[in-house]
Amino acid sequence: MDELDKRIISLLQKNGRASNARIARSIGVSEGTVRRRLKILVDDEIIQVVAMPNPEKMGYRCEAIIGVQADPDKMDPVAEQLARLEEVQFVTMTTGTYDIFTWVTCPSSDDLGIFLRTKVGTIPGVRRTETFINLAFKKRSYGPPL
């Protein structure tokens, strides 16, 4: 990946619906160059072009981060089961007090409670959880800075 690829990605991060022609004009290359570069970036799984909905505007009033402590021999299966749950937006295995962090969206705090009791709490290997409810977003960004 070179500077041209980074510029293409940066423009798509600002406007995921930008056409190849618009991107090409912005960075001073041909549309074909942008098209070829994008194909490689997608095929090599460097980027994924998706729609990122705003959960609050879709009726999900409760977003939370859940720290999960798991039995050491069950960390991978716990993370995999969490990743399969509809409410889960991302799952990451970490170091420190929690073995796994997961980000969830639910329609309400009542729904979050049900999710914690009936889904997370029933996964074999989950020893303890701590839930951090989001109060306000100050930044919502996707991907590392380029």
C-alpha atoms as a PDB file:
ATOM      1  CA  MET A   1       0.000   0.000   0.000  1.00  0.00           C
ATOM      2  CA  ASP A   2       1.425   3.355  -1.006  1.00  0.00           C
ATOM      3  CA  GLU A   3       0.443   7.021  -0.610  1.00  0.00           C
ATOM      4  CA  LEU A   4      -2.016   6.852  -3.514  1.00  0.00           C
ATOM      5  CA  ASP A   5      -3.871   3.974  -1.858  1.00  0.00           C
ATOM      6  CA  LYS A   6      -3.952   5.902   1.412  1.00  0.00           C
ATOM      7  CA  ARG A   7      -5.414   8.950  -0.334  1.00  0.00           C
ATOM      8  CA  ILE A   8      -8.115   6.824  -1.974  1.00  0.00           C
ATOM      9  CA  ILE A   9      -8.987   5.236   1.378  1.00  0.00           C
ATOM     10  CA  SER A  10      -9.030   8.620   3.103  1.00  0.00           C
ATOM     11  CA  LEU A  11     -11.495  10.017   0.566  1.00  0.00           C
ATOM     12  CA  LEU A  12     -13.732   6.961   0.934  1.00  0.00           C
ATOM     13  CA  GLN A  13     -13.662   7.339   4.721  1.00  0.00           C
ATOM     14  CA  LYS A  14     -15.074  10.836   4.284  1.00  0.00           C
ATOM     15  CA  ASN A  15     -17.595   9.831   1.614  1.00  0.00           C
ATOM     16  CA  GLY A  16     -18.114   6.121   1.048  1.00  0.00           C
ATOM     17  CA  ARG A  17     -20.380   6.897  -1.900  1.00  0.00           C
ATOM     18  CA  ALA A  18     -17.761   8.894  -3.819  1.00  0.00           C
ATOM     19  CA  SER A  19     -17.511   7.727  -7.405  1.00  0.00           C
ATOM     20  CA  ASN A  20     -14.269   6.521  -8.915  1.00  0.00           C
ATOM     21  CA  ALA A  21     -14.364   9.574 -11.194  1.00  0.00           C
ATOM     22  CA  ARG A  22     -14.721  11.980  -8.243  1.00  0.00           C
ATOM     23  CA  ILE A  23     -11.872  10.267  -6.373  1.00  0.00           C
ATOM     24  CA  ALA A  24      -9.700  10.351  -9.497  1.00  0.00           C
ATOM     25  CA  ARG A  25     -10.311  14.092  -9.972  1.00  0.00           C
ATOM     26  CA  SER A  26      -9.540  14.785  -6.312  1.00  0.00           C
ATOM     27  CA  ILE A  27      -6.162  13.083  -6.392  1.00  0.00           C
ATOM     28  CA  GLY A  28      -5.158  13.747 -10.002  1.00  0.00           C
ATOM     29  CA  VAL A  29      -5.154  10.259 -11.507  1.00  0.00           C
ATOM     30  CA  SER A  30      -7.312   8.445 -14.040  1.00  0.00           C
ATOM     31  CA  GLU A  31     -10.580   6.772 -13.137  1.00  0.00           C
ATOM     32  CA  GLY A  32      -9.097   3.456 -14.321  1.00  0.00           C
ATOM     33  CA  THR A  33      -6.253   3.822 -11.837  1.00  0.00           C
ATOM     34  CA  VAL A  34      -8.720   4.339  -8.995  1.00  0.00           C
ATOM     35  CA  ARG A  35     -10.841   1.400 -10.165  1.00  0.00           C
ATOM     36  CA  ARG A  36      -7.799  -0.924 -10.335  1.00  0.00           C
ATOM     37  CA  ARG A  37      -6.453   0.239  -6.965  1.00  0.00           C
ATOM     38  CA  LEU A  38      -9.860  -0.194  -5.296  1.00  0.00           C
ATOM     39  CA  LYS A  39     -10.210  -3.698  -6.702  1.00  0.00           C
ATOM     40  CA  ILE A  40      -6.838  -4.681  -5.226  1.00  0.00           C
ATOM     41  CA  LEU A  41      -7.613  -3.027  -1.878  1.00  0.00           C
ATOM     42  CA  VAL A  42     -10.923  -4.903  -1.633  1.00  0.00           C
ATOM     43  CA  ASP A  43      -9.614  -8.225  -3.018  1.00  0.00           C
ATOM     44  CA  ASP A  44      -6.652  -8.169  -0.608  1.00  0.00           C
ATOM     45  CA  GLU A  45      -9.061  -7.357   2.263  1.00  0.00           C
ATOM     46  CA  ILE A  46      -7.228  -4.121   3.062  1.00  0.00           C
ATOM     47  CA  ILE A  47     -10.550  -2.294   2.947  1.00  0.00           C
ATOM     48  CA  GLN A  48     -14.176  -3.300   3.052  1.00  0.00           C
ATOM     49  CA  VAL A  49     -16.746  -0.944   1.592  1.00  0.00           C
ATOM     50  CA  VAL A  50     -19.883  -1.102   3.754  1.00  0.00           C
ATOM     51  CA  ALA A  51     -22.710   1.099   4.999  1.00  0.00           C
ATOM     52  CA  MET A  52     -22.188   2.033   8.661  1.00  0.00           C
ATOM     53  CA  PRO A  53     -25.564   2.861  10.181  1.00  0.00           C
ATOM     54  CA  ASN A  54     -25.946   5.177  13.151  1.00  0.00           C
ATOM     55  CA  PRO A  55     -27.480   2.897  15.819  1.00  0.00           C
ATOM     56  CA  GLU A  56     -29.280   5.716  17.642  1.00  0.00           C
ATOM     57  CA  LYS A  57     -31.047   6.872  14.484  1.00  0.00           C
ATOM     58  CA  MET A  58     -32.118   3.282  13.865  1.00  0.00           C
ATOM     59  CA  GLY A  59     -33.829   3.015  17.244  1.00  0.00           C
ATOM     60  CA  TYR A  60     -31.018   1.496  19.281  1.00  0.00           C
ATOM     61  CA  ARG A  61     -30.993   3.737  22.356  1.00  0.00           C
ATOM     62  CA  CYS A  62     -28.552   1.670  24.407  1.00  0.00           C
ATOM     63  CA  GLU A  63     -24.952   1.019  23.418  1.00  0.00           C
ATOM     64  CA  ALA A  64     -22.501  -0.585  25.780  1.00  0.00           C
ATOM     65  CA  ILE A  65     -19.044  -2.048  26.036  1.00  0.00           C
ATOM     66  CA  ILE A  66     -18.875  -5.308  27.943  1.00  0.00           C
ATOM     67  CA  GLY A  67     -15.658  -6.502  29.536  1.00  0.00           C
ATOM     68  CA  VAL A  68     -15.636 -10.292  29.788  1.00  0.00           C
ATOM     69  CA  GLN A  69     -13.425 -12.473  31.953  1.00  0.00           C
ATOM     70  CA  ALA A  70     -13.304 -16.018  30.614  1.00  0.00           C
ATOM     71  CA  ASP A  71     -11.803 -19.320  31.660  1.00  0.00           C
ATOM     72  CA  PRO A  72      -8.309 -19.375  30.086  1.00  0.00           C
ATOM     73  CA  ASP A  73      -9.026 -22.522  28.070  1.00  0.00           C
ATOM     74  CA  LYS A  74     -12.320 -21.120  26.778  1.00  0.00           C
ATOM     75  CA  MET A  75     -11.321 -17.624  25.614  1.00  0.00           C
ATOM     76  CA  ASP A  76     -11.500 -18.439  21.903  1.00  0.00           C
ATOM     77  CA  PRO A  77     -14.847 -20.269  22.061  1.00  0.00           C
ATOM     78  CA  VAL A  78     -16.340 -17.486  24.221  1.00  0.00           C
ATOM     79  CA  ALA A  79     -15.161 -14.804  21.768  1.00  0.00           C
ATOM     80  CA  GLU A  80     -16.518 -16.822  18.832  1.00  0.00           C
ATOM     81  CA  GLN A  81     -19.929 -17.259  20.486  1.00  0.00           C
ATOM     82  CA  LEU A  82     -20.102 -13.545  21.313  1.00  0.00           C
ATOM     83  CA  ALA A  83     -19.255 -12.706  17.702  1.00  0.00           C
ATOM     84  CA  ARG A  84     -22.268 -14.707  16.499  1.00  0.00           C
ATOM     85  CA  LEU A  85     -24.765 -12.687  18.554  1.00  0.00           C
ATOM     86  CA  GLU A  86     -26.929 -10.229  16.616  1.00  0.00           C
ATOM     87  CA  GLU A  87     -26.536  -7.420  19.173  1.00  0.00           C
ATOM     88  CA  VAL A  88     -22.731  -7.538  19.021  1.00  0.00           C
ATOM     89  CA  GLN A  89     -20.950  -5.008  16.826  1.00  0.00           C
ATOM     90  CA  PHE A  90     -17.377  -6.062  17.538  1.00  0.00           C
ATOM     91  CA  VAL A  91     -15.402  -8.468  19.686  1.00  0.00           C
ATOM     92  CA  THR A  92     -11.743  -8.157  20.586  1.00  0.00           C
ATOM     93  CA  MET A  93      -9.481 -10.321  22.717  1.00  0.00           C
ATOM     94  CA  THR A  94      -7.312  -8.213  24.987  1.00  0.00           C
ATOM     95  CA  THR A  95      -4.752  -8.179  27.769  1.00  0.00           C
ATOM     96  CA  GLY A  96      -5.410  -6.812  31.229  1.00  0.00           C
ATOM     97  CA  THR A  97      -8.341  -7.241  33.588  1.00  0.00           C
ATOM     98  CA  TYR A  98     -10.689  -8.406  30.833  1.00  0.00           C
ATOM     99  CA  ASP A  99      -9.932 -11.112  28.323  1.00  0.00           C
ATOM    100  CA  ILE A 100     -12.535  -9.931  25.834  1.00  0.00           C
ATOM    101  CA  PHE A 101     -14.288  -6.656  25.092  1.00  0.00           C
ATOM    102  CA  THR A 102     -17.451  -6.538  23.052  1.00  0.00           C
ATOM    103  CA  TRP A 103     -19.517  -3.602  21.830  1.00  0.00           C
ATOM    104  CA  VAL A 104     -23.268  -4.115  21.765  1.00  0.00           C
ATOM    105  CA  THR A 105     -26.311  -2.148  20.655  1.00  0.00           C
ATOM    106  CA  CYS A 106     -29.789  -2.742  22.058  1.00  0.00           C
ATOM    107  CA  PRO A 107     -33.108  -0.924  21.695  1.00  0.00           C
ATOM    108  CA  SER A 108     -33.241  -0.157  25.442  1.00  0.00           C
ATOM    109  CA  SER A 109     -31.489  -0.731  28.746  1.00  0.00           C
ATOM    110  CA  ASP A 110     -34.136  -3.367  29.518  1.00  0.00           C
ATOM    111  CA  ASP A 111     -33.115  -5.204  26.350  1.00  0.00           C
ATOM    112  CA  LEU A 112     -29.459  -4.899  27.374  1.00  0.00           C
ATOM    113  CA  GLY A 113     -30.281  -6.541  30.710  1.00  0.00           C
ATOM    114  CA  ILE A 114     -32.074  -9.394  28.976  1.00  0.00           C
ATOM    115  CA  PHE A 115     -29.141  -9.777  26.561  1.00  0.00           C
ATOM    116  CA  LEU A 116     -26.658  -9.975  29.444  1.00  0.00           C
ATOM    117  CA  ARG A 117     -28.717 -12.518  31.392  1.00  0.00           C
ATOM    118  CA  THR A 118     -29.970 -14.761  28.609  1.00  0.00           C
ATOM    119  CA  LYS A 119     -27.170 -14.635  26.057  1.00  0.00           C
ATOM    120  CA  VAL A 120     -23.820 -13.532  27.499  1.00  0.00           C
ATOM    121  CA  GLY A 121     -24.427 -15.079  30.921  1.00  0.00           C
ATOM    122  CA  THR A 122     -25.240 -18.484  29.448  1.00  0.00           C
ATOM    123  CA  ILE A 123     -22.049 -18.860  27.385  1.00  0.00           C
ATOM    124  CA  PRO A 124     -19.895 -21.642  28.865  1.00  0.00           C
ATOM    125  CA  GLY A 125     -16.577 -20.238  30.068  1.00  0.00           C
ATOM    126  CA  VAL A 126     -17.786 -16.726  30.910  1.00  0.00           C
ATOM    127  CA  ARG A 127     -16.655 -16.106  34.487  1.00  0.00           C
ATOM    128  CA  ARG A 128     -17.499 -12.445  34.978  1.00  0.00           C
ATOM    129  CA  THR A 129     -18.660  -9.422  33.018  1.00  0.00           C
ATOM    130  CA  GLU A 130     -18.663  -5.694  33.592  1.00  0.00           C
ATOM    131  CA  THR A 131     -20.859  -3.483  31.460  1.00  0.00           C
ATOM    132  CA  PHE A 132     -20.044   0.109  30.553  1.00  0.00           C
ATOM    133  CA  ILE A 133     -23.065   1.944  29.134  1.00  0.00           C
ATOM    134  CA  ASN A 134     -22.244   4.729  26.687  1.00  0.00           C
ATOM    135  CA  LEU A 135     -23.569   8.089  27.826  1.00  0.00           C
ATOM    136  CA  ALA A 136     -22.570  10.202  24.819  1.00  0.00           C
ATOM    137  CA  PHE A 137     -20.442   9.844  21.721  1.00  0.00           C
ATOM    138  CA  LYS A 138     -17.826  12.498  21.113  1.00  0.00           C
ATOM    139  CA  LYS A 139     -16.306  10.788  18.094  1.00  0.00           C
ATOM    140  CA  ARG A 140     -17.433   7.910  15.918  1.00  0.00           C
ATOM    141  CA  SER A 141     -14.760   6.946  13.415  1.00  0.00           C
ATOM    142  CA  TYR A 142     -13.978   3.820  11.483  1.00  0.00           C
ATOM    143  CA  GLY A 143     -10.496   2.602  10.763  1.00  0.00           C
ATOM    144  CA  PRO A 144      -7.028   3.816  11.713  1.00  0.00           C
ATOM    145  CA  PRO A 145      -5.779   7.270  10.750  1.00  0.00           C
ATOM    146  CA  LEU A 146      -3.859   7.298   7.488  1.00  0.00           C
END
